[in-house]
């Protein structure tokens, strides 16, 4: 099967041209039901029918291309000159494009301001985070020192307890009589 006999290719190209089945039927002088049947492969896409359908789709593509304006041109300073020299664009469409360009430029300016504010806020947040990190580090160091102090005090208490025990044991031992010892 040749590509121009393929109903799926016809559907794809019709949609790319921005045509509905009814619009294609109107352009070719055929019925919408015939277009539907061709697309559903109930009717073969051949001969004069194929020629008329493809010609209508091709014409629609060409018309659509004439109406299209490259996006880069919309932001170009010479856009108004393009509109003045291009006769395929009507005045209402030109006005819509002019408003679109003006509003787009405003939106871009607002986006730039927002980005600058976000960066400024991010820098402030980073400074606050750094400050908080420093405080946390100081608190960790303080906790470590206090833990060491507490452990030292606990050890000191333990040693004092042992010393007190030894003192108690020593005091409970009978004291030898010094006279008996001397004689």
C-alpha atoms as a PDB file:
ATOM      1  CA  UNK A   1       0.000   0.000   0.000  1.00  0.00           C
ATOM      2  CA  UNK A   2       1.318   3.456  -0.882  1.00  0.00           C
ATOM      3  CA  UNK A   3       1.403   6.121   1.829  1.00  0.00           C
ATOM      4  CA  UNK A   4      -1.246   8.186   0.023  1.00  0.00           C
ATOM      5  CA  UNK A   5      -3.609   5.187   0.152  1.00  0.00           C
ATOM      6  CA  UNK A   6      -3.168   4.736   3.914  1.00  0.00           C
ATOM      7  CA  UNK A   7      -6.217   5.952   5.887  1.00  0.00           C
ATOM      8  CA  UNK A   8      -4.129   6.258   9.074  1.00  0.00           C
ATOM      9  CA  UNK A   9      -1.765   8.653   7.299  1.00  0.00           C
ATOM     10  CA  UNK A  10      -4.793  10.611   6.067  1.00  0.00           C
ATOM     11  CA  UNK A  11      -6.140  10.936   9.630  1.00  0.00           C
ATOM     12  CA  UNK A  12      -2.727  12.043  10.910  1.00  0.00           C
ATOM     13  CA  UNK A  13      -2.274  14.681   8.199  1.00  0.00           C
ATOM     14  CA  UNK A  14      -5.871  15.900   8.496  1.00  0.00           C
ATOM     15  CA  UNK A  15      -5.387  16.521  12.204  1.00  0.00           C
ATOM     16  CA  UNK A  16      -2.024  18.217  11.628  1.00  0.00           C
ATOM     17  CA  UNK A  17      -3.780  20.548   9.183  1.00  0.00           C
ATOM     18  CA  UNK A  18      -6.291  21.377  11.911  1.00  0.00           C
ATOM     19  CA  UNK A  19      -9.260  19.981   9.999  1.00  0.00           C
ATOM     20  CA  UNK A  20     -12.206  18.047  11.346  1.00  0.00           C
ATOM     21  CA  UNK A  21     -13.865  15.368   9.228  1.00  0.00           C
ATOM     22  CA  UNK A  22     -16.706  17.810   8.535  1.00  0.00           C
ATOM     23  CA  UNK A  23     -14.301  20.536   7.409  1.00  0.00           C
ATOM     24  CA  UNK A  24     -12.478  18.121   5.090  1.00  0.00           C
ATOM     25  CA  UNK A  25     -15.805  16.994   3.678  1.00  0.00           C
ATOM     26  CA  UNK A  26     -16.818  20.597   3.061  1.00  0.00           C
ATOM     27  CA  UNK A  27     -13.523  21.416   1.306  1.00  0.00           C
ATOM     28  CA  UNK A  28     -13.870  18.401  -1.014  1.00  0.00           C
ATOM     29  CA  UNK A  29     -17.607  18.567  -1.616  1.00  0.00           C
ATOM     30  CA  UNK A  30     -17.954  15.062  -0.172  1.00  0.00           C
ATOM     31  CA  UNK A  31     -20.050  13.857   2.745  1.00  0.00           C
ATOM     32  CA  UNK A  32     -18.714  13.620   6.266  1.00  0.00           C
ATOM     33  CA  UNK A  33     -19.869   9.998   6.406  1.00  0.00           C
ATOM     34  CA  UNK A  34     -17.674   9.208   3.376  1.00  0.00           C
ATOM     35  CA  UNK A  35     -14.655  10.773   5.116  1.00  0.00           C
ATOM     36  CA  UNK A  36     -15.466   8.724   8.235  1.00  0.00           C
ATOM     37  CA  UNK A  37     -15.768   5.524   6.186  1.00  0.00           C
ATOM     38  CA  UNK A  38     -12.419   6.183   4.482  1.00  0.00           C
ATOM     39  CA  UNK A  39     -10.759   6.709   7.861  1.00  0.00           C
ATOM     40  CA  UNK A  40     -12.380   3.540   9.212  1.00  0.00           C
ATOM     41  CA  UNK A  41     -11.083   1.663   6.141  1.00  0.00           C
ATOM     42  CA  UNK A  42     -14.606   0.868   4.943  1.00  0.00           C
ATOM     43  CA  UNK A  43     -13.950   2.729   1.683  1.00  0.00           C
ATOM     44  CA  UNK A  44     -10.649   2.472  -0.201  1.00  0.00           C
ATOM     45  CA  UNK A  45      -8.591   5.636  -0.463  1.00  0.00           C
ATOM     46  CA  UNK A  46      -7.848   5.665  -4.207  1.00  0.00           C
ATOM     47  CA  UNK A  47      -8.214   7.592  -7.424  1.00  0.00           C
ATOM     48  CA  UNK A  48     -10.058  10.889  -7.557  1.00  0.00           C
ATOM     49  CA  UNK A  49     -11.239  10.560  -3.959  1.00  0.00           C
ATOM     50  CA  UNK A  50      -7.648  10.212  -2.709  1.00  0.00           C
ATOM     51  CA  UNK A  51      -6.547  13.113  -4.913  1.00  0.00           C
ATOM     52  CA  UNK A  52      -9.320  15.431  -3.656  1.00  0.00           C
ATOM     53  CA  UNK A  53      -8.767  14.581   0.018  1.00  0.00           C
ATOM     54  CA  UNK A  54      -4.983  14.994  -0.141  1.00  0.00           C
ATOM     55  CA  UNK A  55      -5.287  18.238  -2.104  1.00  0.00           C
ATOM     56  CA  UNK A  56      -7.686  19.682   0.484  1.00  0.00           C
ATOM     57  CA  UNK A  57      -5.362  18.660   3.326  1.00  0.00           C
ATOM     58  CA  UNK A  58      -2.376  20.138   1.493  1.00  0.00           C
ATOM     59  CA  UNK A  59      -4.232  23.419   0.941  1.00  0.00           C
ATOM     60  CA  UNK A  60      -5.223  23.536   4.623  1.00  0.00           C
ATOM     61  CA  UNK A  61      -1.575  22.999   5.615  1.00  0.00           C
ATOM     62  CA  UNK A  62      -0.469  25.839   3.342  1.00  0.00           C
ATOM     63  CA  UNK A  63      -3.152  28.188   4.719  1.00  0.00           C
ATOM     64  CA  UNK A  64      -2.246  27.302   8.255  1.00  0.00           C
ATOM     65  CA  UNK A  65       1.435  27.912   7.599  1.00  0.00           C
ATOM     66  CA  UNK A  66       0.678  31.374   6.179  1.00  0.00           C
ATOM     67  CA  UNK A  67      -1.173  32.272   9.379  1.00  0.00           C
ATOM     68  CA  UNK A  68       1.599  31.034  11.626  1.00  0.00           C
ATOM     69  CA  UNK A  69       4.099  33.486  13.047  1.00  0.00           C
ATOM     70  CA  UNK A  70       7.380  32.182  14.437  1.00  0.00           C
ATOM     71  CA  UNK A  71       7.459  32.571  18.217  1.00  0.00           C
ATOM     72  CA  UNK A  72      10.870  34.216  18.059  1.00  0.00           C
ATOM     73  CA  UNK A  73       9.360  36.930  15.869  1.00  0.00           C
ATOM     74  CA  UNK A  74       6.769  37.758  18.541  1.00  0.00           C
ATOM     75  CA  UNK A  75       9.497  38.885  20.901  1.00  0.00           C
ATOM     76  CA  UNK A  76      11.415  40.674  18.161  1.00  0.00           C
ATOM     77  CA  UNK A  77      11.341  44.458  18.086  1.00  0.00           C
ATOM     78  CA  UNK A  78      10.470  44.322  14.352  1.00  0.00           C
ATOM     79  CA  UNK A  79       7.259  42.363  14.987  1.00  0.00           C
ATOM     80  CA  UNK A  80       5.058  45.380  14.270  1.00  0.00           C
ATOM     81  CA  UNK A  81       6.846  45.882  10.941  1.00  0.00           C
ATOM     82  CA  UNK A  82       6.228  42.243  10.105  1.00  0.00           C
ATOM     83  CA  UNK A  83       2.528  42.655  10.832  1.00  0.00           C
ATOM     84  CA  UNK A  84       2.333  45.795   8.709  1.00  0.00           C
ATOM     85  CA  UNK A  85       3.971  44.092   5.710  1.00  0.00           C
ATOM     86  CA  UNK A  86       2.257  40.723   6.003  1.00  0.00           C
ATOM     87  CA  UNK A  87      -1.166  40.852   4.395  1.00  0.00           C
ATOM     88  CA  UNK A  88      -2.221  37.362   5.526  1.00  0.00           C
ATOM     89  CA  UNK A  89      -2.896  38.549   9.093  1.00  0.00           C
ATOM     90  CA  UNK A  90      -6.051  40.513   9.730  1.00  0.00           C
ATOM     91  CA  UNK A  91      -6.214  43.544  12.038  1.00  0.00           C
ATOM     92  CA  UNK A  92      -7.961  41.808  14.965  1.00  0.00           C
ATOM     93  CA  UNK A  93      -5.394  39.016  14.914  1.00  0.00           C
ATOM     94  CA  UNK A  94      -2.584  41.579  14.793  1.00  0.00           C
ATOM     95  CA  UNK A  95      -4.071  43.343  17.814  1.00  0.00           C
ATOM     96  CA  UNK A  96      -4.269  40.062  19.698  1.00  0.00           C
ATOM     97  CA  UNK A  97      -0.643  39.356  18.866  1.00  0.00           C
ATOM     98  CA  UNK A  98       0.404  42.836  19.961  1.00  0.00           C
ATOM     99  CA  UNK A  99      -1.371  42.393  23.303  1.00  0.00           C
ATOM    100  CA  UNK A 100       0.101  38.919  23.657  1.00  0.00           C
ATOM    101  CA  UNK A 101       3.606  40.242  23.092  1.00  0.00           C
ATOM    102  CA  UNK A 102       3.117  43.135  25.529  1.00  0.00           C
ATOM    103  CA  UNK A 103       1.676  40.852  28.202  1.00  0.00           C
ATOM    104  CA  UNK A 104       4.434  38.284  27.632  1.00  0.00           C
ATOM    105  CA  UNK A 105       7.083  40.942  28.125  1.00  0.00           C
ATOM    106  CA  UNK A 106       5.348  42.056  31.339  1.00  0.00           C
ATOM    107  CA  UNK A 107       5.207  38.468  32.570  1.00  0.00           C
ATOM    108  CA  UNK A 108       8.889  37.979  31.816  1.00  0.00           C
ATOM    109  CA  UNK A 109       9.707  41.123  33.821  1.00  0.00           C
ATOM    110  CA  UNK A 110       7.589  39.899  36.749  1.00  0.00           C
ATOM    111  CA  UNK A 111       9.270  36.483  36.583  1.00  0.00           C
ATOM    112  CA  UNK A 112      12.686  38.119  36.706  1.00  0.00           C
ATOM    113  CA  UNK A 113      11.641  40.130  39.777  1.00  0.00           C
ATOM    114  CA  UNK A 114      10.312  36.989  41.463  1.00  0.00           C
ATOM    115  CA  UNK A 115      13.513  35.104  40.734  1.00  0.00           C
ATOM    116  CA  UNK A 116      15.547  37.965  42.207  1.00  0.00           C
ATOM    117  CA  UNK A 117      13.366  37.946  45.344  1.00  0.00           C
ATOM    118  CA  UNK A 118      13.677  34.176  45.639  1.00  0.00           C
ATOM    119  CA  UNK A 119      17.452  34.411  45.363  1.00  0.00           C
ATOM    120  CA  UNK A 120      17.507  37.149  47.996  1.00  0.00           C
ATOM    121  CA  UNK A 121      15.280  35.057  50.263  1.00  0.00           C
ATOM    122  CA  UNK A 122      17.461  32.006  49.662  1.00  0.00           C
ATOM    123  CA  UNK A 123      20.566  33.971  50.656  1.00  0.00           C
ATOM    124  CA  UNK A 124      18.837  35.149  53.849  1.00  0.00           C
ATOM    125  CA  UNK A 125      17.680  31.603  54.576  1.00  0.00           C
ATOM    126  CA  UNK A 126      21.220  30.319  54.023  1.00  0.00           C
ATOM    127  CA  UNK A 127      22.585  32.899  56.491  1.00  0.00           C
ATOM    128  CA  UNK A 128      19.950  31.892  59.064  1.00  0.00           C
ATOM    129  CA  UNK A 129      20.739  28.222  58.532  1.00  0.00           C
ATOM    130  CA  UNK A 130      24.458  28.916  59.019  1.00  0.00           C
ATOM    131  CA  UNK A 131      23.691  30.817  62.227  1.00  0.00           C
ATOM    132  CA  UNK A 132      21.477  27.994  63.495  1.00  0.00           C
ATOM    133  CA  UNK A 133      24.156  25.440  62.638  1.00  0.00           C
ATOM    134  CA  UNK A 134      26.707  27.441  64.649  1.00  0.00           C
ATOM    135  CA  UNK A 135      24.329  27.587  67.627  1.00  0.00           C
ATOM    136  CA  UNK A 136      23.682  23.849  67.412  1.00  0.00           C
ATOM    137  CA  UNK A 137      27.433  23.203  67.348  1.00  0.00           C
ATOM    138  CA  UNK A 138      27.926  25.402  70.439  1.00  0.00           C
ATOM    139  CA  UNK A 139      25.107  23.562  72.223  1.00  0.00           C
ATOM    140  CA  UNK A 140      26.642  20.195  71.288  1.00  0.00           C
ATOM    141  CA  UNK A 141      30.030  21.332  72.624  1.00  0.00           C
ATOM    142  CA  UNK A 142      28.393  22.613  75.820  1.00  0.00           C
ATOM    143  CA  UNK A 143      26.536  19.330  76.245  1.00  0.00           C
ATOM    144  CA  UNK A 144      29.789  17.394  75.806  1.00  0.00           C
ATOM    145  CA  UNK A 145      31.533  19.565  78.434  1.00  0.00           C
ATOM    146  CA  UNK A 146      28.609  19.258  80.867  1.00  0.00           C
ATOM    147  CA  UNK A 147      28.571  15.488  80.308  1.00  0.00           C
ATOM    148  CA  UNK A 148      32.291  15.328  81.086  1.00  0.00           C
ATOM    149  CA  UNK A 149      31.765  17.460  84.199  1.00  0.00           C
ATOM    150  CA  UNK A 150      28.889  15.246  85.329  1.00  0.00           C
ATOM    151  CA  UNK A 151      30.966  12.121  84.767  1.00  0.00           C
ATOM    152  CA  UNK A 152      33.851  13.715  86.693  1.00  0.00           C
ATOM    153  CA  UNK A 153      31.536  14.616  89.573  1.00  0.00           C
ATOM    154  CA  UNK A 154      30.105  11.113  89.577  1.00  0.00           C
ATOM    155  CA  UNK A 155      33.593   9.626  89.703  1.00  0.00           C
ATOM    156  CA  UNK A 156      34.562  12.056  92.481  1.00  0.00           C
ATOM    157  CA  UNK A 157      31.485  11.008  94.472  1.00  0.00           C
ATOM    158  CA  UNK A 158      32.384   7.373  93.937  1.00  0.00           C
ATOM    159  CA  UNK A 159      35.922   7.955  95.148  1.00  0.00           C
ATOM    160  CA  UNK A 160      34.682   9.981  98.156  1.00  0.00           C
ATOM    161  CA  UNK A 161      32.390   7.068  98.976  1.00  0.00           C
ATOM    162  CA  UNK A 162      35.278   4.622  98.854  1.00  0.00           C
ATOM    163  CA  UNK A 163      37.374   6.931 101.002  1.00  0.00           C
ATOM    164  CA  UNK A 164      34.564   7.239 103.520  1.00  0.00           C
ATOM    165  CA  UNK A 165      34.247   3.452 103.572  1.00  0.00           C
ATOM    166  CA  UNK A 166      37.946   3.071 104.262  1.00  0.00           C
ATOM    167  CA  UNK A 167      37.735   5.693 107.015  1.00  0.00           C
ATOM    168  CA  UNK A 168      34.803   3.851 108.552  1.00  0.00           C
ATOM    169  CA  UNK A 169      36.616   0.533 108.412  1.00  0.00           C
ATOM    170  CA  UNK A 170      39.697   2.100 109.973  1.00  0.00           C
ATOM    171  CA  UNK A 171      37.691   3.625 112.785  1.00  0.00           C
ATOM    172  CA  UNK A 172      36.020   0.296 113.556  1.00  0.00           C
ATOM    173  CA  UNK A 173      39.319  -1.519 113.960  1.00  0.00           C
ATOM    174  CA  UNK A 174      40.521  -1.687 117.510  1.00  0.00           C
ATOM    175  CA  UNK A 175      43.217   0.723 118.200  1.00  0.00           C
ATOM    176  CA  UNK A 176      46.236  -1.071 119.657  1.00  0.00           C
ATOM    177  CA  UNK A 177      47.251   0.075 123.094  1.00  0.00           C
ATOM    178  CA  UNK A 178      50.342   2.057 122.744  1.00  0.00           C
ATOM    179  CA  UNK A 179      51.663   1.085 126.232  1.00  0.00           C
ATOM    180  CA  UNK A 180      51.391  -2.574 125.508  1.00  0.00           C
ATOM    181  CA  UNK A 181      53.093  -2.052 122.295  1.00  0.00           C
ATOM    182  CA  UNK A 182      55.953  -0.196 123.861  1.00  0.00           C
ATOM    183  CA  UNK A 183      56.756  -2.630 126.606  1.00  0.00           C
END
